[in-house]
């Protein structure tokens, strides 16, 4: 299982300097956080908690996409 990196820890990482194994580790950790966040989705879609959850969810989805792009670029 991937080590759970804090969401803010991802911002400190330099993906340009990572090898494939490191990027895959980050991808696994980001996907784990996304699954955990999915399990915590607030019921009230009109609440401030849902807005904050949605912002974090979107940021994690963007991070996963970025990591997939980095991995794809390594393959080229």
Protein backbone atom coordinates (compact mmCIF):
# COMPACT_ATOMS: atom_id res chain seq x y z
CA UNK A 1 0.00 0.00 0.00
CA UNK A 2 1.23 3.51 -0.76
CA UNK A 3 2.47 5.72 2.00
CA UNK A 4 -0.17 8.35 2.61
CA UNK A 5 1.34 11.69 1.67
CA UNK A 6 -0.44 14.74 2.95
CA UNK A 7 -2.17 16.67 0.23
CA UNK A 8 0.12 19.64 0.83
CA UNK A 9 3.20 17.40 0.57
CA UNK A 10 2.49 16.87 -3.12
CA UNK A 11 3.06 20.59 -3.73
CA UNK A 12 6.58 20.24 -2.33
CA UNK A 13 7.54 17.51 -4.78
CA UNK A 14 9.37 18.15 -8.05
CA UNK A 15 7.85 15.66 -10.47
CA UNK A 16 10.31 16.69 -13.20
CA UNK A 17 13.14 15.16 -11.18
CA UNK A 18 11.38 11.88 -10.39
CA UNK A 19 11.91 8.53 -12.03
CA UNK A 20 9.12 6.18 -13.05
CA UNK A 21 9.03 4.32 -9.71
CA UNK A 22 8.76 7.55 -7.74
CA UNK A 23 6.00 8.87 -9.99
CA UNK A 24 4.09 5.60 -9.68
CA UNK A 25 4.41 5.79 -5.89
CA UNK A 26 2.98 9.31 -5.91
CA UNK A 27 0.20 8.23 -8.27
CA UNK A 28 -0.75 5.36 -5.98
CA UNK A 29 -0.73 7.69 -2.96
CA UNK A 30 -2.89 10.27 -4.76
CA UNK A 31 -5.38 7.62 -5.86
CA UNK A 32 -5.54 6.29 -2.30
CA UNK A 33 -6.35 9.77 -1.01
CA UNK A 34 -8.98 10.16 -3.70
CA UNK A 35 -10.66 6.88 -2.66
CA UNK A 36 -10.57 7.94 0.99
CA UNK A 37 -12.02 11.32 0.10
CA UNK A 38 -14.79 9.65 -1.92
CA UNK A 39 -15.77 7.75 1.23
CA UNK A 40 -16.06 11.05 3.13
CA UNK A 41 -18.32 12.87 0.67
CA UNK A 42 -20.68 15.15 2.60
CA UNK A 43 -24.36 14.39 2.10
CA UNK A 44 -25.45 18.03 1.85
CA UNK A 45 -24.40 19.24 -1.59
CA UNK A 46 -25.32 22.82 -0.61
CA UNK A 47 -23.02 22.98 2.40
CA UNK A 48 -19.65 24.68 2.85
CA UNK A 49 -18.24 21.27 3.77
CA UNK A 50 -19.30 19.93 0.38
CA UNK A 51 -17.70 22.89 -1.38
CA UNK A 52 -14.41 22.30 0.45
CA UNK A 53 -14.65 18.56 -0.27
CA UNK A 54 -15.32 19.27 -3.95
CA UNK A 55 -12.34 21.62 -4.23
CA UNK A 56 -10.03 19.04 -2.66
CA UNK A 57 -11.48 16.26 -4.82
CA UNK A 58 -10.96 18.29 -7.99
CA UNK A 59 -7.38 19.13 -6.98
CA UNK A 60 -6.62 15.45 -6.39
CA UNK A 61 -8.14 14.51 -9.74
CA UNK A 62 -5.95 17.15 -11.39
CA UNK A 63 -2.91 15.77 -9.57
CA UNK A 64 -3.66 12.25 -10.81
CA UNK A 65 -3.95 13.57 -14.37
CA UNK A 66 -0.67 15.46 -14.02
CA UNK A 67 1.11 12.37 -12.74
CA UNK A 68 -0.27 10.31 -15.61
CA UNK A 69 1.03 12.95 -18.02
CA UNK A 70 4.49 12.81 -16.43
CA UNK A 71 4.47 9.03 -16.72
CA UNK A 72 3.34 9.23 -20.33
CA UNK A 73 6.14 11.67 -21.12
CA UNK A 74 8.69 9.24 -19.67
CA UNK A 75 7.45 6.62 -22.12
CA UNK A 76 8.01 8.88 -25.13
